[in-house]
Structures are given as C-alpha cells and as structure tokens.
C-alpha atoms as a PDB file:
ATOM      1  CA  MET A   1     -12.231 -42.771  25.988  1.00  0.00           C
ATOM      2  CA  GLY A   2     -15.634 -43.968  27.364  1.00  0.00           C
ATOM      3  CA  VAL A   3     -18.968 -42.734  26.416  1.00  0.00           C
ATOM      4  CA  ARG A   4     -19.432 -39.020  25.750  1.00  0.00           C
ATOM      5  CA  SER A   5     -22.411 -37.130  26.936  1.00  0.00           C
ATOM      6  CA  ASP A   6     -25.078 -35.715  24.761  1.00  0.00           C
ATOM      7  CA  ASN A   7     -26.115 -32.604  26.935  1.00  0.00           C
ATOM      8  CA  PRO A   8     -24.457 -29.249  26.761  1.00  0.00           C
ATOM      9  CA  VAL A   9     -22.862 -29.204  30.162  1.00  0.00           C
ATOM     10  CA  GLY A  10     -21.703 -32.910  29.861  1.00  0.00           C
ATOM     11  CA  ARG A  11     -20.248 -31.756  26.419  1.00  0.00           C
ATOM     12  CA  LEU A  12     -18.331 -28.890  27.974  1.00  0.00           C
ATOM     13  CA  VAL A  13     -17.003 -31.296  30.698  1.00  0.00           C
ATOM     14  CA  ASP A  14     -15.748 -33.828  27.890  1.00  0.00           C
ATOM     15  CA  ALA A  15     -14.020 -30.861  26.108  1.00  0.00           C
ATOM     16  CA  VAL A  16     -12.327 -29.921  29.112  1.00  0.00           C
ATOM     17  CA  TRP A  17     -11.352 -33.624  30.929  1.00  0.00           C
ATOM     18  CA  ARG A  18     -11.438 -35.553  27.688  1.00  0.00           C
ATOM     19  CA  PRO A  19     -10.581 -33.146  25.006  1.00  0.00           C
ATOM     20  CA  THR A  20     -10.040 -33.677  21.271  1.00  0.00           C
ATOM     21  CA  SER A  21      -8.264 -31.845  18.876  1.00  0.00           C
ATOM     22  CA  ALA A  22     -11.324 -30.077  17.716  1.00  0.00           C
ATOM     23  CA  SER A  23     -12.730 -29.093  21.230  1.00  0.00           C
ATOM     24  CA  MET A  24      -8.964 -27.967  22.072  1.00  0.00           C
ATOM     25  CA  ARG A  25      -9.560 -25.456  19.116  1.00  0.00           C
ATOM     26  CA  TRP A  26     -12.785 -24.340  20.419  1.00  0.00           C
ATOM     27  CA  LEU A  27     -11.581 -23.824  23.855  1.00  0.00           C
ATOM     28  CA  ALA A  28      -8.716 -21.720  22.562  1.00  0.00           C
ATOM     29  CA  LEU A  29     -11.177 -19.638  20.571  1.00  0.00           C
ATOM     30  CA  ALA A  30     -13.176 -19.155  23.631  1.00  0.00           C
ATOM     31  CA  GLY A  31      -9.770 -17.728  25.293  1.00  0.00           C
ATOM     32  CA  VAL A  32      -9.428 -15.243  22.214  1.00  0.00           C
ATOM     33  CA  ALA A  33     -12.943 -14.231  22.585  1.00  0.00           C
ATOM     34  CA  GLY A  34     -13.091 -13.745  26.404  1.00  0.00           C
ATOM     35  CA  ASN A  35      -9.791 -11.616  26.211  1.00  0.00           C
ATOM     36  CA  ALA A  36     -11.079  -9.378  23.420  1.00  0.00           C
ATOM     37  CA  LEU A  37     -14.531  -9.067  25.504  1.00  0.00           C
ATOM     38  CA  ILE A  38     -12.841  -7.809  28.756  1.00  0.00           C
ATOM     39  CA  MET A  39     -11.017  -5.238  26.774  1.00  0.00           C
ATOM     40  CA  ALA A  40     -14.231  -3.687  25.572  1.00  0.00           C
ATOM     41  CA  THR A  41     -15.919  -4.005  29.090  1.00  0.00           C
ATOM     42  CA  GLY A  42     -12.746  -2.285  30.490  1.00  0.00           C
ATOM     43  CA  ALA A  43     -13.440   0.559  27.914  1.00  0.00           C
ATOM     44  CA  ALA A  44     -17.142   0.712  29.152  1.00  0.00           C
ATOM     45  CA  VAL A  45     -15.786   1.194  32.710  1.00  0.00           C
ATOM     46  CA  ARG A  46     -13.928   4.154  31.513  1.00  0.00           C
ATOM     47  CA  VAL A  47     -16.500   6.029  29.495  1.00  0.00           C
ATOM     48  CA  SER A  48     -19.291   5.384  32.044  1.00  0.00           C
ATOM     49  CA  GLY A  49     -16.810   7.137  34.608  1.00  0.00           C
ATOM     50  CA  SER A  50     -17.073   3.961  36.643  1.00  0.00           C
ATOM     51  CA  GLY A  51     -13.438   3.374  37.083  1.00  0.00           C
ATOM     52  CA  LEU A  52     -13.577   3.982  40.920  1.00  0.00           C
ATOM     53  CA  GLY A  53     -16.997   2.550  41.239  1.00  0.00           C
ATOM     54  CA  CYS A  54     -15.175   0.007  43.437  1.00  0.00           C
ATOM     55  CA  PRO A  55     -12.860   2.381  45.249  1.00  0.00           C
ATOM     56  CA  THR A  56     -10.722  -0.256  46.933  1.00  0.00           C
ATOM     57  CA  TRP A  57      -9.113  -3.515  45.791  1.00  0.00           C
ATOM     58  CA  PRO A  58      -9.228  -6.367  46.176  1.00  0.00           C
ATOM     59  CA  LYS A  59     -12.590  -5.596  48.003  1.00  0.00           C
ATOM     60  CA  CYS A  60     -15.092  -3.557  46.373  1.00  0.00           C
ATOM     61  CA  THR A  61     -15.359  -0.999  49.489  1.00  0.00           C
ATOM     62  CA  GLY A  62     -13.581  -0.773  52.452  1.00  0.00           C
ATOM     63  CA  ASP A  63     -15.420  -3.580  54.288  1.00  0.00           C
ATOM     64  CA  SER A  64     -17.029  -5.645  51.498  1.00  0.00           C
ATOM     65  CA  LEU A  65     -16.191  -7.686  48.605  1.00  0.00           C
ATOM     66  CA  VAL A  66     -19.443  -6.841  46.641  1.00  0.00           C
ATOM     67  CA  PRO A  67     -20.848  -3.089  46.048  1.00  0.00           C
ATOM     68  CA  THR A  68     -22.582  -1.742  48.981  1.00  0.00           C
ATOM     69  CA  ARG A  69     -24.788   1.358  49.078  1.00  0.00           C
ATOM     70  CA  THR A  70     -22.266   4.707  49.811  1.00  0.00           C
ATOM     71  CA  PRO A  71     -22.959   8.208  49.001  1.00  0.00           C
ATOM     72  CA  GLU A  72     -19.557   8.781  47.411  1.00  0.00           C
ATOM     73  CA  HIS A  73     -20.454   6.516  44.511  1.00  0.00           C
ATOM     74  CA  ALA A  74     -23.321   5.847  42.238  1.00  0.00           C
ATOM     75  CA  ALA A  75     -24.812   2.399  42.507  1.00  0.00           C
ATOM     76  CA  VAL A  76     -24.811   2.252  38.530  1.00  0.00           C
ATOM     77  CA  ASN A  77     -21.256   3.070  38.572  1.00  0.00           C
ATOM     78  CA  MET A  78     -20.328   0.570  41.329  1.00  0.00           C
ATOM     79  CA  ALA A  79     -22.263  -2.146  39.454  1.00  0.00           C
ATOM     80  CA  ILE A  80     -20.404  -1.539  36.267  1.00  0.00           C
ATOM     81  CA  GLU A  81     -16.995  -1.626  37.984  1.00  0.00           C
ATOM     82  CA  PHE A  82     -17.768  -4.684  40.021  1.00  0.00           C
ATOM     83  CA  GLY A  83     -19.483  -6.583  36.783  1.00  0.00           C
ATOM     84  CA  ASN A  84     -15.938  -6.046  34.978  1.00  0.00           C
ATOM     85  CA  ARG A  85     -14.353  -7.611  37.940  1.00  0.00           C
ATOM     86  CA  MET A  86     -16.599 -10.752  37.764  1.00  0.00           C
ATOM     87  CA  LEU A  87     -15.995 -10.911  34.023  1.00  0.00           C
ATOM     88  CA  THR A  88     -12.239 -11.100  34.936  1.00  0.00           C
ATOM     89  CA  PHE A  89     -13.012 -14.514  36.825  1.00  0.00           C
ATOM     90  CA  LEU A  90     -14.882 -15.732  33.776  1.00  0.00           C
ATOM     91  CA  VAL A  91     -11.751 -15.164  31.826  1.00  0.00           C
ATOM     92  CA  LEU A  92      -9.948 -17.049  34.263  1.00  0.00           C
ATOM     93  CA  ALA A  93     -12.152 -19.789  34.486  1.00  0.00           C
ATOM     94  CA  ILE A  94     -11.770 -20.291  30.674  1.00  0.00           C
ATOM     95  CA  GLY A  95      -8.207 -19.835  31.059  1.00  0.00           C
ATOM     96  CA  VAL A  96      -8.052 -22.670  33.780  1.00  0.00           C
ATOM     97  CA  ALA A  97     -10.229 -24.860  31.636  1.00  0.00           C
ATOM     98  CA  ILE A  98      -7.834 -24.368  28.690  1.00  0.00           C
ATOM     99  CA  PHE A  99      -4.816 -25.380  30.617  1.00  0.00           C
ATOM    100  CA  VAL A 100      -6.637 -28.695  32.001  1.00  0.00           C
ATOM    101  CA  ALA A 101      -7.475 -29.550  28.593  1.00  0.00           C
ATOM    102  CA  ALA A 102      -3.958 -29.022  27.118  1.00  0.00           C
ATOM    103  CA  VAL A 103      -2.442 -31.210  30.083  1.00  0.00           C
ATOM    104  CA  ARG A 104      -5.168 -34.030  29.436  1.00  0.00           C
ATOM    105  CA  LEU A 105      -5.028 -33.900  25.594  1.00  0.00           C
ATOM    106  CA  ARG A 106      -3.363 -37.128  24.060  1.00  0.00           C
ATOM    107  CA  PRO A 107      -1.040 -37.115  22.604  1.00  0.00           C
ATOM    108  CA  ARG A 108       0.382 -34.230  24.532  1.00  0.00           C
ATOM    109  CA  ARG A 109       1.812 -31.245  22.803  1.00  0.00           C
ATOM    110  CA  ARG A 110       4.185 -29.527  24.613  1.00  0.00           C
ATOM    111  CA  ASP A 111       3.746 -26.079  23.098  1.00  0.00           C
ATOM    112  CA  LEU A 112      -0.061 -26.118  23.384  1.00  0.00           C
ATOM    113  CA  LEU A 113       0.713 -26.804  27.187  1.00  0.00           C
ATOM    114  CA  ARG A 114       3.122 -23.624  27.437  1.00  0.00           C
ATOM    115  CA  LEU A 115       0.673 -21.432  25.463  1.00  0.00           C
ATOM    116  CA  ALA A 116      -2.218 -22.778  27.734  1.00  0.00           C
ATOM    117  CA  ALA A 117      -0.294 -22.251  30.841  1.00  0.00           C
ATOM    118  CA  ILE A 118      -0.046 -18.595  30.041  1.00  0.00           C
ATOM    119  CA  GLN A 119      -3.739 -18.237  29.962  1.00  0.00           C
ATOM    120  CA  PRO A 120      -4.593 -18.379  33.907  1.00  0.00           C
ATOM    121  CA  LEU A 121      -1.245 -17.066  34.902  1.00  0.00           C
ATOM    122  CA  SER A 122      -1.772 -13.934  32.674  1.00  0.00           C
ATOM    123  CA  VAL A 123      -5.176 -13.229  34.017  1.00  0.00           C
ATOM    124  CA  VAL A 124      -4.032 -13.290  37.552  1.00  0.00           C
ATOM    125  CA  ALA A 125      -1.655 -10.746  36.620  1.00  0.00           C
ATOM    126  CA  GLN A 126      -3.870  -8.518  34.832  1.00  0.00           C
ATOM    127  CA  ALA A 127      -6.101  -8.445  38.084  1.00  0.00           C
ATOM    128  CA  ILE A 128      -3.150  -7.374  40.276  1.00  0.00           C
ATOM    129  CA  VAL A 129      -2.310  -4.682  37.818  1.00  0.00           C
ATOM    130  CA  GLY A 130      -5.857  -3.785  37.754  1.00  0.00           C
ATOM    131  CA  GLY A 131      -5.633  -3.349  41.642  1.00  0.00           C
ATOM    132  CA  VAL A 132      -2.570  -0.953  41.175  1.00  0.00           C
ATOM    133  CA  VAL A 133      -5.051   1.220  38.761  1.00  0.00           C
ATOM    134  CA  VAL A 134      -7.474   1.401  41.509  1.00  0.00           C
ATOM    135  CA  LEU A 135      -4.942   2.221  44.310  1.00  0.00           C
ATOM    136  CA  THR A 136      -3.189   4.896  42.308  1.00  0.00           C
ATOM    137  CA  ASP A 137      -6.896   6.513  41.718  1.00  0.00           C
ATOM    138  CA  LEU A 138      -6.446   5.487  37.740  1.00  0.00           C
ATOM    139  CA  HIS A 139      -3.222   7.185  37.250  1.00  0.00           C
ATOM    140  CA  PRO A 140      -3.121   7.177  33.147  1.00  0.00           C
ATOM    141  CA  ALA A 141       0.319   5.049  33.070  1.00  0.00           C
ATOM    142  CA  ALA A 142      -1.040   2.537  35.275  1.00  0.00           C
ATOM    143  CA  VAL A 143      -4.292   2.457  33.163  1.00  0.00           C
ATOM    144  CA  ALA A 144      -2.282   2.258  30.121  1.00  0.00           C
ATOM    145  CA  ALA A 145      -0.144  -0.703  31.623  1.00  0.00           C
ATOM    146  CA  HIS A 146      -3.517  -2.620  32.571  1.00  0.00           C
ATOM    147  CA  PHE A 147      -4.474  -2.250  29.033  1.00  0.00           C
ATOM    148  CA  LEU A 148      -1.544  -3.209  27.096  1.00  0.00           C
ATOM    149  CA  LEU A 149      -1.228  -6.379  29.140  1.00  0.00           C
ATOM    150  CA  SER A 150      -4.405  -7.436  27.107  1.00  0.00           C
ATOM    151  CA  PRO A 151      -3.004  -7.533  23.952  1.00  0.00           C
ATOM    152  CA  ALA A 152       0.006  -9.583  25.178  1.00  0.00           C
ATOM    153  CA  LEU A 153      -2.528 -12.062  26.739  1.00  0.00           C
ATOM    154  CA  LEU A 154      -4.450 -11.799  23.407  1.00  0.00           C
ATOM    155  CA  ALA A 155      -1.317 -12.679  21.389  1.00  0.00           C
ATOM    156  CA  ALA A 156      -0.617 -15.822  23.416  1.00  0.00           C
ATOM    157  CA  ALA A 157      -4.583 -16.869  23.204  1.00  0.00           C
ATOM    158  CA  THR A 158      -4.410 -16.407  19.515  1.00  0.00           C
ATOM    159  CA  ALA A 159      -1.008 -18.499  19.114  1.00  0.00           C
ATOM    160  CA  LEU A 160      -2.710 -21.191  20.968  1.00  0.00           C
ATOM    161  CA  TRP A 161      -5.919 -21.034  18.767  1.00  0.00           C
ATOM    162  CA  VAL A 162      -3.805 -20.953  15.646  1.00  0.00           C
ATOM    163  CA  ARG A 163      -1.311 -24.073  16.870  1.00  0.00           C
ATOM    164  CA  ALA A 164      -4.176 -26.136  17.890  1.00  0.00           C
ATOM    165  CA  SER A 165      -5.022 -26.253  14.363  1.00  0.00           C
ATOM    166  CA  GLU A 166      -1.628 -27.170  12.898  1.00  0.00           C
ATOM    167  CA  GLY A 167       0.679 -30.251  13.100  1.00  0.00           C
ATOM    168  CA  ASP A 168       4.242 -30.140  14.631  1.00  0.00           C
ATOM    169  CA  GLU A 169       6.395 -30.461  11.810  1.00  0.00           C
ATOM    170  CA  PRO A 170       9.279 -27.577  11.460  1.00  0.00           C
ATOM    171  CA  ALA A 171       7.974 -24.491  10.271  1.00  0.00           C
ATOM    172  CA  VAL A 172       8.177 -23.759   6.483  1.00  0.00           C
ATOM    173  CA  THR A 173       8.135 -20.250   5.115  1.00  0.00           C
ATOM    174  CA  LEU A 174       5.416 -19.893   2.362  1.00  0.00           C
ATOM    175  CA  VAL A 175       6.573 -16.255   1.212  1.00  0.00           C
ATOM    176  CA  ARG A 176       9.537 -14.393   0.393  1.00  0.00           C
ATOM    177  CA  GLY A 177      11.779 -12.908   3.056  1.00  0.00           C
ATOM    178  CA  GLU A 178      10.905  -9.335   2.207  1.00  0.00           C
ATOM    179  CA  LEU A 179       7.205 -10.135   2.974  1.00  0.00           C
ATOM    180  CA  VAL A 180       7.875 -11.776   6.375  1.00  0.00           C
ATOM    181  CA  TRP A 181      10.146  -8.823   7.477  1.00  0.00           C
ATOM    182  CA  LEU A 182       7.220  -6.620   6.328  1.00  0.00           C
ATOM    183  CA  ALA A 183       4.746  -8.558   8.369  1.00  0.00           C
ATOM    184  CA  ARG A 184       6.937  -8.325  11.442  1.00  0.00           C
ATOM    185  CA  ALA A 185       7.134  -4.496  11.137  1.00  0.00           C
ATOM    186  CA  LEU A 186       3.450  -4.397  10.668  1.00  0.00           C
ATOM    187  CA  VAL A 187       3.129  -5.970  14.296  1.00  0.00           C
ATOM    188  CA  GLY A 188       5.420  -3.670  15.748  1.00  0.00           C
ATOM    189  CA  VAL A 189       3.492  -0.845  14.145  1.00  0.00           C
ATOM    190  CA  VAL A 190       0.164  -1.967  15.330  1.00  0.00           C
ATOM    191  CA  PHE A 191       1.353  -2.542  18.865  1.00  0.00           C
ATOM    192  CA  VAL A 192       2.902   1.237  18.973  1.00  0.00           C
ATOM    193  CA  LEU A 193      -0.840   1.967  17.636  1.00  0.00           C
ATOM    194  CA  LEU A 194      -2.181   0.660  20.845  1.00  0.00           C
ATOM    195  CA  ILE A 195       0.004   2.430  22.909  1.00  0.00           C
ATOM    196  CA  ALA A 196      -0.751   5.617  21.262  1.00  0.00           C
ATOM    197  CA  GLY A 197      -4.490   4.840  21.956  1.00  0.00           C
ATOM    198  CA  THR A 198      -3.855   4.569  25.542  1.00  0.00           C
ATOM    199  CA  VAL A 199      -2.240   7.940  25.531  1.00  0.00           C
ATOM    200  CA  VAL A 200      -5.214   9.410  23.648  1.00  0.00           C
ATOM    201  CA  THR A 201      -7.346   7.866  26.687  1.00  0.00           C
ATOM    202  CA  GLY A 202      -5.232   9.047  29.314  1.00  0.00           C
ATOM    203  CA  THR A 203      -5.335  12.644  27.733  1.00  0.00           C
ATOM    204  CA  GLY A 204      -9.028  12.855  26.760  1.00  0.00           C
ATOM    205  CA  PRO A 205     -12.273  13.220  28.600  1.00  0.00           C
ATOM    206  CA  HIS A 206     -12.916   9.218  29.176  1.00  0.00           C
ATOM    207  CA  ALA A 207     -10.175   8.535  31.773  1.00  0.00           C
ATOM    208  CA  GLY A 208     -12.618   6.412  33.886  1.00  0.00           C
ATOM    209  CA  ASP A 209     -13.441   9.271  36.653  1.00  0.00           C
ATOM    210  CA  ALA A 210     -13.890  12.890  36.523  1.00  0.00           C
ATOM    211  CA  GLU A 211     -11.307  13.182  39.249  1.00  0.00           C
ATOM    212  CA  ALA A 212      -8.818  11.140  37.467  1.00  0.00           C
ATOM    213  CA  PRO A 213      -5.499  12.519  36.659  1.00  0.00           C
ATOM    214  CA  ARG A 214      -4.572  13.112  32.819  1.00  0.00           C
ATOM    215  CA  PHE A 215      -1.581  13.096  30.723  1.00  0.00           C
ATOM    216  CA  GLY A 216      -0.451  16.528  30.385  1.00  0.00           C
ATOM    217  CA  PHE A 217      -0.547  16.650  26.503  1.00  0.00           C
ATOM    218  CA  ARG A 218      -3.070  18.561  24.159  1.00  0.00           C
ATOM    219  CA  ILE A 219      -5.810  16.298  23.081  1.00  0.00           C
ATOM    220  CA  GLU A 220      -5.553  17.499  19.479  1.00  0.00           C
ATOM    221  CA  GLN A 221      -1.836  16.538  19.038  1.00  0.00           C
ATOM    222  CA  VAL A 222      -2.064  12.961  20.494  1.00  0.00           C
ATOM    223  CA  ALA A 223      -5.032  12.462  18.369  1.00  0.00           C
ATOM    224  CA  GLN A 224      -3.203  13.499  15.191  1.00  0.00           C
ATOM    225  CA  LEU A 225      -0.075  11.337  16.431  1.00  0.00           C
ATOM    226  CA  HIS A 226      -2.575   8.445  16.586  1.00  0.00           C
ATOM    227  CA  ALA A 227      -4.086   9.031  13.225  1.00  0.00           C
ATOM    228  CA  ASP A 228      -0.610   9.340  11.611  1.00  0.00           C
ATOM    229  CA  ILE A 229       0.274   5.761  13.001  1.00  0.00           C
ATOM    230  CA  VAL A 230      -3.044   4.473  11.678  1.00  0.00           C
ATOM    231  CA  TRP A 231      -2.211   5.452   8.334  1.00  0.00           C
ATOM    232  CA  ALA A 232       1.143   4.135   8.558  1.00  0.00           C
ATOM    233  CA  THR A 233      -0.278   0.664   9.718  1.00  0.00           C
ATOM    234  CA  VAL A 234      -2.861   0.878   6.743  1.00  0.00           C
ATOM    235  CA  GLY A 235      -0.120   1.562   4.335  1.00  0.00           C
ATOM    236  CA  LEU A 236       2.222  -1.260   5.571  1.00  0.00           C
ATOM    237  CA  THR A 237      -0.955  -3.504   5.251  1.00  0.00           C
ATOM    238  CA  PHE A 238      -1.500  -2.246   1.668  1.00  0.00           C
ATOM    239  CA  ALA A 239       2.203  -2.834   0.994  1.00  0.00           C
ATOM    240  CA  LEU A 240       2.035  -6.470   2.202  1.00  0.00           C
ATOM    241  CA  LEU A 241      -1.104  -7.289   0.476  1.00  0.00           C
ATOM    242  CA  LEU A 242       0.133  -5.964  -2.977  1.00  0.00           C
ATOM    243  CA  GLY A 243       3.566  -7.665  -2.189  1.00  0.00           C
ATOM    244  CA  ALA A 244       1.742 -11.128  -1.553  1.00  0.00           C
ATOM    245  CA  ARG A 245      -0.320 -10.460  -4.822  1.00  0.00           C
ATOM    246  CA  LEU A 246       2.778  -9.847  -7.095  1.00  0.00           C
ATOM    247  CA  THR A 247       4.799 -12.682  -5.639  1.00  0.00           C
ATOM    248  CA  ASN A 248       1.840 -14.884  -5.954  1.00  0.00           C
ATOM    249  CA  ALA A 249       1.868 -15.892  -2.226  1.00  0.00           C
ATOM    250  CA  PRO A 250      -0.563 -18.450  -1.181  1.00  0.00           C
ATOM    251  CA  ARG A 251      -4.204 -17.790  -0.892  1.00  0.00           C
ATOM    252  CA  ARG A 252      -4.513 -17.923   2.487  1.00  0.00           C
ATOM    253  CA  VAL A 253      -1.861 -15.151   2.877  1.00  0.00           C
ATOM    254  CA  GLN A 254      -3.413 -12.829   0.705  1.00  0.00           C
ATOM    255  CA  ARG A 255      -7.006 -13.822   2.363  1.00  0.00           C
ATOM    256  CA  ARG A 256      -5.641 -12.785   5.875  1.00  0.00           C
ATOM    257  CA  THR A 257      -3.902  -9.934   4.754  1.00  0.00           C
ATOM    258  CA  LEU A 258      -7.171  -8.562   2.985  1.00  0.00           C
ATOM    259  CA  GLU A 259      -9.182  -9.465   5.961  1.00  0.00           C
ATOM    260  CA  LEU A 260      -6.640  -7.371   8.262  1.00  0.00           C
ATOM    261  CA  LEU A 261      -7.203  -4.212   5.822  1.00  0.00           C
ATOM    262  CA  ALA A 262     -10.762  -4.526   5.824  1.00  0.00           C
ATOM    263  CA  VAL A 263     -10.816  -4.554   9.658  1.00  0.00           C
ATOM    264  CA  GLU A 264      -8.427  -1.539   9.607  1.00  0.00           C
ATOM    265  CA  LEU A 265     -10.594   0.268   7.339  1.00  0.00           C
ATOM    266  CA  ALA A 266     -13.692  -0.263   9.548  1.00  0.00           C
ATOM    267  CA  GLN A 267     -11.853   0.692  12.446  1.00  0.00           C
ATOM    268  CA  GLY A 268     -10.444   3.814  10.906  1.00  0.00           C
ATOM    269  CA  VAL A 269     -14.039   4.888  10.233  1.00  0.00           C
ATOM    270  CA  ILE A 270     -15.261   4.177  13.699  1.00  0.00           C
ATOM    271  CA  GLY A 271     -12.361   6.320  14.818  1.00  0.00           C
ATOM    272  CA  TYR A 272     -13.045   9.432  12.684  1.00  0.00           C
ATOM    273  CA  VAL A 273     -16.655   9.354  13.487  1.00  0.00           C
ATOM    274  CA  GLN A 274     -16.049   9.233  17.176  1.00  0.00           C
ATOM    275  CA  TYR A 275     -13.405  12.125  16.647  1.00  0.00           C
ATOM    276  CA  PHE A 276     -15.884  14.461  14.722  1.00  0.00           C
ATOM    277  CA  THR A 277     -18.931  13.673  17.037  1.00  0.00           C
ATOM    278  CA  GLY A 278     -17.461  14.620  20.357  1.00  0.00           C
ATOM    279  CA  VAL A 279     -16.098  10.947  21.118  1.00  0.00           C
ATOM    280  CA  PRO A 280     -19.530   9.472  22.073  1.00  0.00           C
ATOM    281  CA  ALA A 281     -19.254   6.494  24.864  1.00  0.00           C
ATOM    282  CA  PRO A 282     -20.707   3.870  22.661  1.00  0.00           C
ATOM    283  CA  LEU A 283     -18.230   4.486  19.742  1.00  0.00           C
ATOM    284  CA  VAL A 284     -15.323   4.357  22.225  1.00  0.00           C
ATOM    285  CA  VAL A 285     -16.309   0.909  23.209  1.00  0.00           C
ATOM    286  CA  ALA A 286     -16.634  -0.005  19.757  1.00  0.00           C
ATOM    287  CA  HIS A 287     -13.145   1.195  19.071  1.00  0.00           C
ATOM    288  CA  VAL A 288     -11.520  -0.578  21.485  1.00  0.00           C
ATOM    289  CA  LEU A 289     -13.162  -3.943  20.606  1.00  0.00           C
ATOM    290  CA  GLY A 290     -11.992  -2.909  17.074  1.00  0.00           C
ATOM    291  CA  SER A 291      -8.340  -2.638  18.284  1.00  0.00           C
ATOM    292  CA  ALA A 292      -8.586  -6.046  19.717  1.00  0.00           C
ATOM    293  CA  LEU A 293      -9.732  -7.335  16.118  1.00  0.00           C
ATOM    294  CA  VAL A 294      -7.235  -5.610  14.532  1.00  0.00           C
ATOM    295  CA  TRP A 295      -4.748  -7.129  16.755  1.00  0.00           C
ATOM    296  CA  ILE A 296      -5.966 -10.632  16.196  1.00  0.00           C
ATOM    297  CA  ALA A 297      -6.029 -10.056  12.467  1.00  0.00           C
ATOM    298  CA  THR A 298      -2.477  -8.901  12.236  1.00  0.00           C
ATOM    299  CA  LEU A 299      -1.304 -11.969  14.311  1.00  0.00           C
ATOM    300  CA  ARG A 300      -3.124 -14.080  11.957  1.00  0.00           C
ATOM    301  CA  VAL A 301      -1.537 -12.572   9.071  1.00  0.00           C
ATOM    302  CA  VAL A 302       2.018 -13.710  10.589  1.00  0.00           C
ATOM    303  CA  PHE A 303       1.044 -17.002  11.352  1.00  0.00           C
ATOM    304  CA  ALA A 304      -0.333 -17.654   7.835  1.00  0.00           C
ATOM    305  CA  LEU A 305       3.142 -17.019   6.413  1.00  0.00           C
ATOM    306  CA  ARG A 306       4.558 -20.484   7.400  1.00  0.00           C
ATOM    307  CA  GLU A 307       3.067 -24.115   7.448  1.00  0.00           C
ATOM    308  CA  ARG A 308       3.425 -26.503  10.244  1.00  0.00           C
ATOM    309  CA  GLY A 309       2.056 -29.610   8.751  1.00  0.00           C
ATOM    310  CA  ASP A 310      -1.174 -31.463   9.003  1.00  0.00           C
ATOM    311  CA  LEU A 311      -2.611 -31.721  12.406  1.00  0.00           C
ATOM    312  CA  ALA A 312      -4.289 -35.374  11.396  1.00  0.00           C
ATOM    313  CA  ALA A 313      -0.636 -36.779  10.904  1.00  0.00           C
ATOM    314  CA  ARG A 314       0.264 -35.575  14.538  1.00  0.00           C
ATOM    315  CA  VAL A 315      -2.922 -37.028  15.995  1.00  0.00           C
ATOM    316  CA  SER A 316      -2.625 -40.284  14.226  1.00  0.00           C
ATOM    317  CA  ALA A 317       1.154 -40.592  15.421  1.00  0.00           C
ATOM    318  CA  GLY A 318      -0.323 -41.304  18.912  1.00  0.00           C
ATOM    319  CA  PRO A 319       1.138 -40.722  22.005  1.00  0.00           C
ATOM    320  CA  GLY A 320       5.116 -41.029  22.408  1.00  0.00           C
ATOM    321  CA  HIS A 321       5.241 -40.450  18.926  1.00  0.00           C
ATOM    322  CA  GLU A 322       6.833 -37.445  17.149  1.00  0.00           C
ATOM    323  CA  PRO A 323       5.718 -36.446  13.427  1.00  0.00           C
ATOM    324  CA  VAL A 324       7.984 -37.230  10.863  1.00  0.00           C
ATOM    325  CA  PRO A 325       8.882 -33.867   8.814  1.00  0.00           C
ATOM    326  CA  GLY A 326       7.248 -34.266   5.367  1.00  0.00           C
ATOM    327  CA  ALA A 327       6.775 -32.595   2.294  1.00  0.00           C
ATOM    328  CA  GLN A 328       5.112 -29.035   2.515  1.00  0.00           C
ATOM    329  CA  LEU A 329       1.415 -29.032   2.315  1.00  0.00           C
ATOM    330  CA  PRO A 330      -0.749 -27.121  -0.506  1.00  0.00           C
ATOM    331  CA  ALA A 331      -1.353 -23.743   0.742  1.00  0.00           C
ATOM    332  CA  ARG A 332      -4.887 -23.399   2.003  1.00  0.00           C
END
C-alpha cells in the first residue's frame, strides 16, 4: 500500500486512490451530505427569486458562462443562481471521487461499484434537467422533476453509505414481515410527501421568479393536502415504532425509527411555523433541508431491518474471496 500522507490534501488523495473500508464510508457520507446540501441551495435559489438569475443554459447569459452585468437581472440573483450551478460541480467531483475509490478498493465490491457509478452519472442527469427548468422559464412541472431527482440520487448515496459499513453475506431480516411491509409503505408515503411539497412550491409564492408560471391550484388546498400526508407519515412511523417495541425488535431498529420520528416532528414544527408566519424564505430553506433529512432517516430505517454480516470478515477474506455465510450477528 505504501506510505500514507500525513497532511490533509495527501490524506484526501489517499482516501480516493488508496481507499480503505473506513475512507470509503467517509466518502460515501460526503456524497450524502453534498446531495442534501444541494437540495437546500436549490430552495435558496427559489425563495430569493433567482431561478432565472442565469437566464440561459448551459451558459449563464447569452454569450458568457459566468454572470455578466445586465439590466434584466440583479447581480445578487445572478450570483445566487451561478453559485448553485458551481455547487453542482462540487457534488460531481465528490461523485467522481467516490467512483474512483470504489474502483480502487480492494477487495473490490461489485455492489459498491454499481452504487458509486450512479453518483456522477445522476449529477450529470440532474444538471441536464436543471437546464430544462431554465429553458422552460421555471415551469412548475420541470421544477418538480428537478427536485424529485434529488431524493432518487440521495437514495443511492445513502445505500452506498450503509453498504460501505456492512459485509456481503446474504441479507437476514431481523424483524417480522409485517414490520418490513410497514417500513416499505412508509418509504412510499414519504416520497408522496416530497411530491406534494413540489406542488405546494409550484403553487405558492416561492416559485423562483415573479414571472414564473404556477400550478392552478389554491394554495390553501394543496397545503392542507400536504399536511394530511405529513400526519399519515407520522402515524405510520409511530405504528412502526410501536410494532418494533412490542415485538422486541433489535435496538438499532427501534433507535432508527425513533430518530425518524424525531426528525419528522421537528420538520412538522418548521412547516407549521412557516405556514402561520407567511412562508418566510429562511424557513423554506430549512424545511427543504429537513425534507432531505426525513428521506435519509426513512431509508436508514429500512436498511436497519436486515443484517448483511460483518465488514471485517469481508475485508479479511482478501481479493478473490467471497465471504462464507455465517451465523446472524447480534443486533447493534
């Protein structure tokens, strides 16, 4: 393996070019954080009215890749939109680093390699859809599609983060089948909740630009529908937590479900405060970041329901060896 560097830049290069299981986990976590952050910065673009700060794509203006002075768009709006575009390149760089690390990891793990390959490719897809958003003058359907790609990418990033901490034995379910189906239903409801959130955004005052088209719904109706789905989500989570406790599910299952419930309640508080205070911009950004955290916590609950063995056993097998299925490990 050679001598590893002791300075920050060198350690980063080592993490990518000479990865270990630990550095792979940290890189995967960076991918999760980057994708959650870009969801929040996308909200900042909308609430600041900067969605058309760069009115063309892929250039910022008709003849420049970077913002230039123009009477049609304020400098601050151009800077915000351009900054969000630059953040996409940071997330892309993280995705490329993750993929390179997965290729270089020994022993190689095919499932990690597949999940890692999704990272840079999906960022490119996200950038293309972002271009469609600009070219359609922020049509709410295009904006919704742009936002909903992020949870899909975040799901792959979270799966990579979790799998990088596990072994490769066949999955062993740790809870009763009813709880598995309840958790899967919860994932579906949370995704519907994210969809409802895009409808609220496309109907309300923060659509990215004063001239942007809106959905033709009444904001009170879509906000109420969104709130109803929130309560359904909380109800399912509480039912899952209660079922986990009554069936003496492993501690980590109960802990992950309790974490999800706590994040949901905090998110609900933010949602109701922003509704009754006229939807202030900072709370909208916080609410979008909260939606990313709810999604991550929901996925972690599902992953906690099964066991894939000890990572140390997979690593010690060495290149060219597959782990031997063994006894189920104690729940953590």
